[in-house]
Structure formats: C-alpha cells, structure tokens
Amino acid sequence: MKTNTRFIKSVVAAAADEKTVMPWARGTRRAAFIAKRKAELDRKAA
C-alpha cells in the first residue's frame, strides 16, 4: 500500500500545481469569446 499512497500523493501534487487557464476564466479572453459568440448569433438571426 505504500506505493499506492505515494502515487496518490504525487497525482494530487501535480493537480495542485497545474496552471492551465480555463476558457471560462474571467478576463479579456472571456470577454472576447463572449463578444465573438454574440456576433455569430446576431449574424445568424439577421
């Protein structure tokens, strides 16, 4: 069981260290994505 515990600890540490930016994160990227999606919907509706 010691190996399994060490493996789980390493997986948890790697997940905590992850710095990936998610698309739904707040900021300018999110605002640009929403504006693009809104423009596409407006174009389809017209």
Protein backbone atom coordinates (compact mmCIF):
# COMPACT_ATOMS: atom_id res chain seq x y z
CA MET A 1 0.00 0.00 0.00
CA LYS A 2 2.92 2.35 0.45
CA THR A 3 3.44 2.61 -3.33
CA ASN A 4 -0.25 3.42 -3.86
CA THR A 5 -0.14 6.19 -1.23
CA ARG A 6 2.97 7.69 -2.82
CA PHE A 7 1.32 7.57 -6.25
CA ILE A 8 -1.83 9.30 -4.99
CA LYS A 9 0.24 11.99 -3.28
CA SER A 10 2.17 12.65 -6.49
CA VAL A 11 -1.05 12.88 -8.53
CA VAL A 12 -2.61 15.29 -6.03
CA ALA A 13 0.55 17.43 -6.02
CA ALA A 14 0.65 17.54 -9.83
CA ALA A 15 -3.02 18.54 -9.99
CA ALA A 16 -2.49 21.31 -7.44
CA ASP A 17 0.50 22.61 -9.43
CA GLU A 18 -1.42 22.82 -12.73
CA LYS A 19 -1.71 26.39 -14.05
CA THR A 20 -3.91 25.83 -17.11
CA VAL A 21 -6.16 28.78 -17.93
CA MET A 22 -9.73 27.68 -18.45
CA PRO A 23 -11.89 29.30 -21.16
CA TRP A 24 -14.49 30.38 -18.64
CA ALA A 25 -11.96 32.24 -16.51
CA ARG A 26 -12.65 35.94 -16.00
CA GLY A 27 -10.74 38.46 -18.05
CA THR A 28 -10.20 39.82 -21.52
CA ARG A 29 -10.08 36.40 -23.18
CA ARG A 30 -13.51 35.58 -21.77
CA ALA A 31 -14.94 38.93 -22.88
CA ALA A 32 -13.56 38.42 -26.39
CA PHE A 33 -15.03 34.93 -26.57
CA ILE A 34 -18.46 36.16 -25.46
CA ALA A 35 -18.36 39.05 -27.97
CA LYS A 36 -17.43 36.65 -30.78
CA ARG A 37 -20.22 34.25 -29.87
CA LYS A 38 -22.75 37.11 -29.64
CA ALA A 39 -21.66 38.43 -33.07
CA GLU A 40 -22.14 34.98 -34.61
CA LEU A 41 -25.62 34.69 -33.10
CA ASP A 42 -26.55 38.19 -34.31
CA ARG A 43 -25.30 37.35 -37.79
CA LYS A 44 -27.38 34.15 -37.89
CA ALA A 45 -30.50 35.96 -36.63
CA ALA A 46 -30.26 38.69 -39.27
